[in-house]
C-alpha atoms as a PDB file:
ATOM      1  CA  UNK A   1      86.903  85.361  68.430  1.00  0.00           C
ATOM      2  CA  UNK A   2      85.247  87.069  71.091  1.00  0.00           C
ATOM      3  CA  UNK A   3      85.818  90.942  70.455  1.00  0.00           C
ATOM      4  CA  UNK A   4      85.341  92.146  74.240  1.00  0.00           C
ATOM      5  CA  UNK A   5      87.059  90.957  77.129  1.00  0.00           C
ATOM      6  CA  UNK A   6      84.275  89.916  79.605  1.00  0.00           C
ATOM      7  CA  UNK A   7      83.770  92.206  82.519  1.00  0.00           C
ATOM      8  CA  UNK A   8      85.044  89.499  85.000  1.00  0.00           C
ATOM      9  CA  UNK A   9      87.900  88.538  82.920  1.00  0.00           C
ATOM     10  CA  UNK A  10      88.810  92.355  82.511  1.00  0.00           C
ATOM     11  CA  UNK A  11      89.076  92.822  86.224  1.00  0.00           C
ATOM     12  CA  UNK A  12      91.422  89.834  86.712  1.00  0.00           C
ATOM     13  CA  UNK A  13      93.295  90.648  83.747  1.00  0.00           C
ATOM     14  CA  UNK A  14      93.444  94.458  84.880  1.00  0.00           C
ATOM     15  CA  UNK A  15      94.458  93.453  88.836  1.00  0.00           C
ATOM     16  CA  UNK A  16      97.431  91.017  87.631  1.00  0.00           C
ATOM     17  CA  UNK A  17      98.860  93.653  85.012  1.00  0.00           C
ATOM     18  CA  UNK A  18      98.663  96.136  87.925  1.00  0.00           C
ATOM     19  CA  UNK A  19     100.746  94.038  89.780  1.00  0.00           C
ATOM     20  CA  UNK A  20     103.117  93.226  87.226  1.00  0.00           C
ATOM     21  CA  UNK A  21     103.756  96.441  86.557  1.00  0.00           C
ATOM     22  CA  UNK A  22     104.047  97.922  90.150  1.00  0.00           C
ATOM     23  CA  UNK A  23     105.612  94.784  92.246  1.00  0.00           C
ATOM     24  CA  UNK A  24     109.093  95.019  93.739  1.00  0.00           C
ATOM     25  CA  UNK A  25     109.267  91.691  94.146  1.00  0.00           C
ATOM     26  CA  UNK A  26     110.521  90.421  90.659  1.00  0.00           C
ATOM     27  CA  UNK A  27     108.870  86.854  91.155  1.00  0.00           C
ATOM     28  CA  UNK A  28     105.897  88.154  91.781  1.00  0.00           C
ATOM     29  CA  UNK A  29     105.848  90.972  89.186  1.00  0.00           C
ATOM     30  CA  UNK A  30     106.496  87.965  86.641  1.00  0.00           C
ATOM     31  CA  UNK A  31     103.818  85.634  88.205  1.00  0.00           C
ATOM     32  CA  UNK A  32     101.595  88.480  87.401  1.00  0.00           C
ATOM     33  CA  UNK A  33     102.815  89.175  84.132  1.00  0.00           C
ATOM     34  CA  UNK A  34     102.082  85.561  83.302  1.00  0.00           C
ATOM     35  CA  UNK A  35      98.513  85.491  84.739  1.00  0.00           C
ATOM     36  CA  UNK A  36      97.820  88.169  82.779  1.00  0.00           C
ATOM     37  CA  UNK A  37      99.417  86.984  79.638  1.00  0.00           C
ATOM     38  CA  UNK A  38      97.153  83.758  80.112  1.00  0.00           C
ATOM     39  CA  UNK A  39      94.097  85.836  80.244  1.00  0.00           C
ATOM     40  CA  UNK A  40      94.956  88.242  77.193  1.00  0.00           C
ATOM     41  CA  UNK A  41      95.957  85.269  74.816  1.00  0.00           C
ATOM     42  CA  UNK A  42      92.366  85.724  73.288  1.00  0.00           C
ATOM     43  CA  UNK A  43      92.270  89.265  72.261  1.00  0.00           C
ATOM     44  CA  UNK A  44      95.019  90.961  70.434  1.00  0.00           C
ATOM     45  CA  UNK A  45      95.454  94.741  72.120  1.00  0.00           C
ATOM     46  CA  UNK A  46      95.453  92.797  75.563  1.00  0.00           C
ATOM     47  CA  UNK A  47      97.543  90.171  74.680  1.00  0.00           C
ATOM     48  CA  UNK A  48     100.143  92.876  73.160  1.00  0.00           C
ATOM     49  CA  UNK A  49     100.079  95.180  76.170  1.00  0.00           C
ATOM     50  CA  UNK A  50     101.182  92.350  78.266  1.00  0.00           C
ATOM     51  CA  UNK A  51     104.358  91.418  76.132  1.00  0.00           C
ATOM     52  CA  UNK A  52     105.346  95.365  76.431  1.00  0.00           C
ATOM     53  CA  UNK A  53     104.837  94.719  80.250  1.00  0.00           C
ATOM     54  CA  UNK A  54     107.482  91.701  79.981  1.00  0.00           C
ATOM     55  CA  UNK A  55     109.646  93.848  77.318  1.00  0.00           C
ATOM     56  CA  UNK A  56     109.895  96.951  80.038  1.00  0.00           C
ATOM     57  CA  UNK A  57     110.449  94.591  82.949  1.00  0.00           C
ATOM     58  CA  UNK A  58     113.226  92.930  80.924  1.00  0.00           C
ATOM     59  CA  UNK A  59     115.191  95.928  80.275  1.00  0.00           C
ATOM     60  CA  UNK A  60     114.690  97.003  83.399  1.00  0.00           C
ATOM     61  CA  UNK A  61     116.152  93.723  85.246  1.00  0.00           C
ATOM     62  CA  UNK A  62     118.673  93.868  82.155  1.00  0.00           C
ATOM     63  CA  UNK A  63     117.390  90.221  81.150  1.00  0.00           C
ATOM     64  CA  UNK A  64     118.677  90.226  77.412  1.00  0.00           C
ATOM     65  CA  UNK A  65     117.346  87.021  76.843  1.00  0.00           C
ATOM     66  CA  UNK A  66     114.224  87.437  78.304  1.00  0.00           C
ATOM     67  CA  UNK A  67     114.118  91.217  76.045  1.00  0.00           C
ATOM     68  CA  UNK A  68     115.231  89.919  73.144  1.00  0.00           C
ATOM     69  CA  UNK A  69     112.098  87.217  73.191  1.00  0.00           C
ATOM     70  CA  UNK A  70     109.765  89.369  74.449  1.00  0.00           C
ATOM     71  CA  UNK A  71     110.603  91.451  71.215  1.00  0.00           C
ATOM     72  CA  UNK A  72     109.858  88.644  69.087  1.00  0.00           C
ATOM     73  CA  UNK A  73     106.657  88.102  71.037  1.00  0.00           C
ATOM     74  CA  UNK A  74     105.312  91.482  70.758  1.00  0.00           C
ATOM     75  CA  UNK A  75     105.459  91.174  66.822  1.00  0.00           C
ATOM     76  CA  UNK A  76     103.426  87.808  66.603  1.00  0.00           C
ATOM     77  CA  UNK A  77     101.318  88.682  69.687  1.00  0.00           C
ATOM     78  CA  UNK A  78      98.438  90.367  67.809  1.00  0.00           C
ATOM     79  CA  UNK A  79      98.130  88.900  64.738  1.00  0.00           C
ATOM     80  CA  UNK A  80      97.990  85.046  66.695  1.00  0.00           C
ATOM     81  CA  UNK A  81      95.390  86.437  68.676  1.00  0.00           C
ATOM     82  CA  UNK A  82      93.606  87.750  66.027  1.00  0.00           C
ATOM     83  CA  UNK A  83      93.726  84.303  63.996  1.00  0.00           C
ATOM     84  CA  UNK A  84      93.013  82.622  67.299  1.00  0.00           C
ATOM     85  CA  UNK A  85      96.637  81.120  66.553  1.00  0.00           C
ATOM     86  CA  UNK A  86      98.085  81.279  70.470  1.00  0.00           C
ATOM     87  CA  UNK A  87      99.037  78.548  72.666  1.00  0.00           C
ATOM     88  CA  UNK A  88      96.776  78.418  75.378  1.00  0.00           C
ATOM     89  CA  UNK A  89      97.866  78.338  78.725  1.00  0.00           C
ATOM     90  CA  UNK A  90     101.692  79.791  77.480  1.00  0.00           C
ATOM     91  CA  UNK A  91     102.875  81.668  79.996  1.00  0.00           C
ATOM     92  CA  UNK A  92     104.644  83.893  77.440  1.00  0.00           C
ATOM     93  CA  UNK A  93     108.047  84.267  79.018  1.00  0.00           C
ATOM     94  CA  UNK A  94     111.212  84.032  76.609  1.00  0.00           C
ATOM     95  CA  UNK A  95     112.647  81.008  78.136  1.00  0.00           C
ATOM     96  CA  UNK A  96     108.864  79.252  77.213  1.00  0.00           C
ATOM     97  CA  UNK A  97     109.130  77.325  73.640  1.00  0.00           C
ATOM     98  CA  UNK A  98     106.888  80.139  71.573  1.00  0.00           C
ATOM     99  CA  UNK A  99     103.948  77.754  70.405  1.00  0.00           C
ATOM    100  CA  UNK A 100     104.224  75.615  73.829  1.00  0.00           C
ATOM    101  CA  UNK A 101     100.553  75.028  75.033  1.00  0.00           C
ATOM    102  CA  UNK A 102     100.913  74.644  78.857  1.00  0.00           C
ATOM    103  CA  UNK A 103      98.295  74.108  81.912  1.00  0.00           C
ATOM    104  CA  UNK A 104      95.651  76.913  82.344  1.00  0.00           C
ATOM    105  CA  UNK A 105      95.637  77.859  86.429  1.00  0.00           C
ATOM    106  CA  UNK A 106      92.457  76.216  87.834  1.00  0.00           C
ATOM    107  CA  UNK A 107      91.255  79.942  88.164  1.00  0.00           C
ATOM    108  CA  UNK A 108      92.015  81.528  85.192  1.00  0.00           C
ATOM    109  CA  UNK A 109      90.145  78.615  83.068  1.00  0.00           C
ATOM    110  CA  UNK A 110      87.258  79.221  84.860  1.00  0.00           C
ATOM    111  CA  UNK A 111      87.245  82.746  84.121  1.00  0.00           C
ATOM    112  CA  UNK A 112      87.651  81.831  80.591  1.00  0.00           C
ATOM    113  CA  UNK A 113      85.330  79.381  80.541  1.00  0.00           C
ATOM    114  CA  UNK A 114      82.515  82.192  81.440  1.00  0.00           C
END
């Protein structure tokens, strides 16, 4: 496991997370959160932070299913990343199975491959 995010990944992660936190359009915010999640998976703390942001958004939207799913994911995100046991490409949303790998968007795959 790499200890720190490479600078290019960190920059993209920070940009996506900022959009996820501030976007007023729900679809834009969730897409950014999902992309931040994919970028964060190899690193325990950033991965956990993304799930906290997702939980806050779910609570703001009064989405009970998403909120409960995010609480569960908050508990497993850090340990999963620390042990390398995370489903690559998974968007992190509650309506996606917790262990289901998913395709990584090409632009994010390129960043993560560096």
